[in-house]
């Protein structure tokens, strides 16, 4: 299966939030976003704005670094936000119930490298990179093999 890619240059945190909200509008249960990048690259900022854009009314969205998984009821169904940074084995990940959530909920997974073979092949992989010349700029590399992401990304203007 071939992998499609797209690179997006985000000038500031507001553009990151705007992109998160726009992609959030396209998501349905069963969609999974794998959020990669070093600490401080914008993964949680992106996730927070995406989640809040799907809530009515928006509520506080804490980082799941210590809880591992936060679940939310949204206007389009259940959403799971997972931060796998502290996990070291697949057994720990399987205990969270993520495999089932990949099929029934919208899933945002930070540190998806911990998933290994459990990562859904239909996921959209978003890799955040800080710009060494600016504290606010980010480069977002999108990669996918499932054709549904091509049409979802086409729905987003200015991307």
Protein backbone atom coordinates (compact mmCIF):
# COMPACT_ATOMS: atom_id res chain seq x y z
CA UNK A 1 0.00 0.00 0.00
CA UNK A 2 1.49 3.36 -0.98
CA UNK A 3 1.88 6.21 1.48
CA UNK A 4 0.67 9.70 0.63
CA UNK A 5 2.24 12.73 2.26
CA UNK A 6 1.61 16.41 2.74
CA UNK A 7 3.68 19.04 4.55
CA UNK A 8 1.99 21.99 6.24
CA UNK A 9 3.82 25.03 7.61
CA UNK A 10 2.11 26.49 10.66
CA UNK A 11 3.25 30.02 11.55
CA UNK A 12 2.02 30.18 15.15
CA UNK A 13 -0.04 28.35 17.80
CA UNK A 14 -3.23 29.92 16.43
CA UNK A 15 -2.67 28.30 13.02
CA UNK A 16 -2.00 24.97 14.76
CA UNK A 17 -5.29 25.34 16.65
CA UNK A 18 -7.13 26.32 13.47
CA UNK A 19 -5.81 23.28 11.59
CA UNK A 20 -6.81 21.04 14.53
CA UNK A 21 -10.35 22.44 14.46
CA UNK A 22 -10.62 22.02 10.69
CA UNK A 23 -9.49 18.40 10.72
CA UNK A 24 -11.74 17.78 13.72
CA UNK A 25 -14.73 18.69 11.55
CA UNK A 26 -13.93 15.73 9.27
CA UNK A 27 -13.53 13.05 11.97
CA UNK A 28 -15.91 10.19 12.72
CA UNK A 29 -15.65 7.21 15.09
CA UNK A 30 -13.03 4.80 13.79
CA UNK A 31 -10.67 7.61 12.73
CA UNK A 32 -7.25 7.63 14.39
CA UNK A 33 -4.60 10.35 14.45
CA UNK A 34 -1.09 9.35 15.51
CA UNK A 35 0.68 12.44 16.89
CA UNK A 36 4.47 12.30 16.72
CA UNK A 37 7.20 14.75 17.60
CA UNK A 38 9.47 15.72 20.47
CA UNK A 39 8.28 17.20 23.75
CA UNK A 40 7.12 20.76 23.16
CA UNK A 41 6.48 20.34 19.43
CA UNK A 42 2.73 21.04 19.72
CA UNK A 43 1.07 17.61 19.96
CA UNK A 44 -0.99 18.36 23.08
CA UNK A 45 -1.83 21.89 21.91
CA UNK A 46 -3.17 20.40 18.67
CA UNK A 47 -5.11 17.67 20.51
CA UNK A 48 -6.62 20.11 23.03
CA UNK A 49 -8.02 22.37 20.31
CA UNK A 50 -9.29 19.47 18.22
CA UNK A 51 -11.13 17.98 21.21
CA UNK A 52 -12.62 21.29 22.33
CA UNK A 53 -13.84 21.98 18.80
CA UNK A 54 -15.96 18.81 18.99
CA UNK A 55 -17.48 19.59 22.40
CA UNK A 56 -20.60 21.58 23.10
CA UNK A 57 -19.81 23.37 25.32
CA UNK A 58 -16.00 23.03 25.26
CA UNK A 59 -14.52 21.79 28.53
CA UNK A 60 -11.06 21.69 30.04
CA UNK A 61 -8.76 19.24 28.23
CA UNK A 62 -5.82 18.23 30.42
CA UNK A 63 -2.80 16.42 29.04
CA UNK A 64 -3.20 12.65 29.58
CA UNK A 65 0.51 12.28 30.45
CA UNK A 66 -0.25 10.85 33.89
CA UNK A 67 -3.72 9.41 33.35
CA UNK A 68 -2.55 7.78 30.07
CA UNK A 69 -6.03 8.08 28.51
CA UNK A 70 -8.74 10.71 28.73
CA UNK A 71 -12.11 10.00 27.13
CA UNK A 72 -14.61 12.60 25.99
CA UNK A 73 -18.15 12.60 24.70
CA UNK A 74 -18.25 14.82 21.64
CA UNK A 75 -20.88 15.95 19.19
CA UNK A 76 -19.83 13.11 16.84
CA UNK A 77 -19.21 10.32 19.35
CA UNK A 78 -16.66 9.15 21.86
CA UNK A 79 -13.09 10.43 21.58
CA UNK A 80 -10.01 8.91 23.25
CA UNK A 81 -6.88 10.99 23.83
CA UNK A 82 -3.93 8.79 24.80
CA UNK A 83 -0.39 9.73 25.81
CA UNK A 84 1.78 6.62 25.71
CA UNK A 85 5.05 8.34 26.69
CA UNK A 86 5.37 6.53 30.04
CA UNK A 87 4.51 3.06 28.70
CA UNK A 88 7.19 0.54 27.85
CA UNK A 89 5.41 -2.71 26.92
CA UNK A 90 2.62 -3.73 24.58
CA UNK A 91 0.88 -5.44 27.51
CA UNK A 92 0.46 -2.05 29.21
CA UNK A 93 -1.04 -0.62 26.03
CA UNK A 94 -3.40 -3.56 25.53
CA UNK A 95 -4.67 -3.09 29.11
CA UNK A 96 -5.82 0.43 28.20
CA UNK A 97 -8.34 -0.96 25.70
CA UNK A 98 -7.03 1.13 22.82
CA UNK A 99 -7.40 -1.69 20.28
CA UNK A 100 -11.18 -1.66 20.79
CA UNK A 101 -11.30 2.14 20.82
CA UNK A 102 -9.57 2.27 17.42
CA UNK A 103 -12.71 0.67 15.97
CA UNK A 104 -15.42 2.49 17.94
CA UNK A 105 -14.09 5.97 18.82
CA UNK A 106 -12.07 8.82 17.42
CA UNK A 107 -8.55 8.29 18.76
CA UNK A 108 -5.70 10.77 19.20
CA UNK A 109 -2.49 9.01 20.24
CA UNK A 110 0.62 10.85 21.37
CA UNK A 111 3.88 8.86 21.28
CA UNK A 112 2.43 6.24 18.88
CA UNK A 113 5.82 4.56 18.45
CA UNK A 114 4.92 2.68 21.66
CA UNK A 115 2.05 0.98 19.75
CA UNK A 116 4.41 -0.95 17.44
CA UNK A 117 2.21 -3.40 15.49
CA UNK A 118 -0.95 -2.27 17.31
CA UNK A 119 -0.99 1.02 15.36
CA UNK A 120 -3.97 1.03 12.99
CA UNK A 121 -2.92 0.89 9.35
CA UNK A 122 -5.76 3.30 8.54
CA UNK A 123 -4.43 6.05 10.83
CA UNK A 124 -3.30 9.52 9.78
CA UNK A 125 0.24 10.09 11.06
CA UNK A 126 0.98 13.71 12.01
CA UNK A 127 4.60 14.55 12.80
CA UNK A 128 5.18 17.90 14.51
CA UNK A 129 8.58 19.59 14.25
CA UNK A 130 9.67 22.86 15.83
CA UNK A 131 11.33 25.41 13.58
CA UNK A 132 14.85 26.14 14.88
CA UNK A 133 14.53 29.77 13.69
CA UNK A 134 11.27 30.52 15.54
CA UNK A 135 9.66 29.62 18.85
CA UNK A 136 6.18 29.65 17.30
CA UNK A 137 6.54 28.06 13.86
CA UNK A 138 5.90 24.35 13.32
CA UNK A 139 6.22 22.02 10.37
CA UNK A 140 3.51 19.38 10.29
CA UNK A 141 4.17 16.33 8.11
CA UNK A 142 1.07 14.27 7.34
CA UNK A 143 1.35 10.67 6.10
CA UNK A 144 -1.38 8.14 5.31
CA UNK A 145 -2.14 5.08 3.25
CA UNK A 146 -5.94 4.98 3.65
CA UNK A 147 -7.53 7.01 0.81
CA UNK A 148 -10.14 8.47 3.18
CA UNK A 149 -7.48 10.91 4.47
CA UNK A 150 -6.91 12.35 1.00
CA UNK A 151 -10.55 13.40 0.77
CA UNK A 152 -10.64 14.61 4.39
CA UNK A 153 -7.55 16.79 3.89
CA UNK A 154 -8.98 18.13 0.63
CA UNK A 155 -12.00 19.36 2.62
CA UNK A 156 -9.74 21.63 4.63
CA UNK A 157 -9.15 24.99 3.00
CA UNK A 158 -5.69 26.55 2.87
CA UNK A 159 -3.88 23.29 3.57
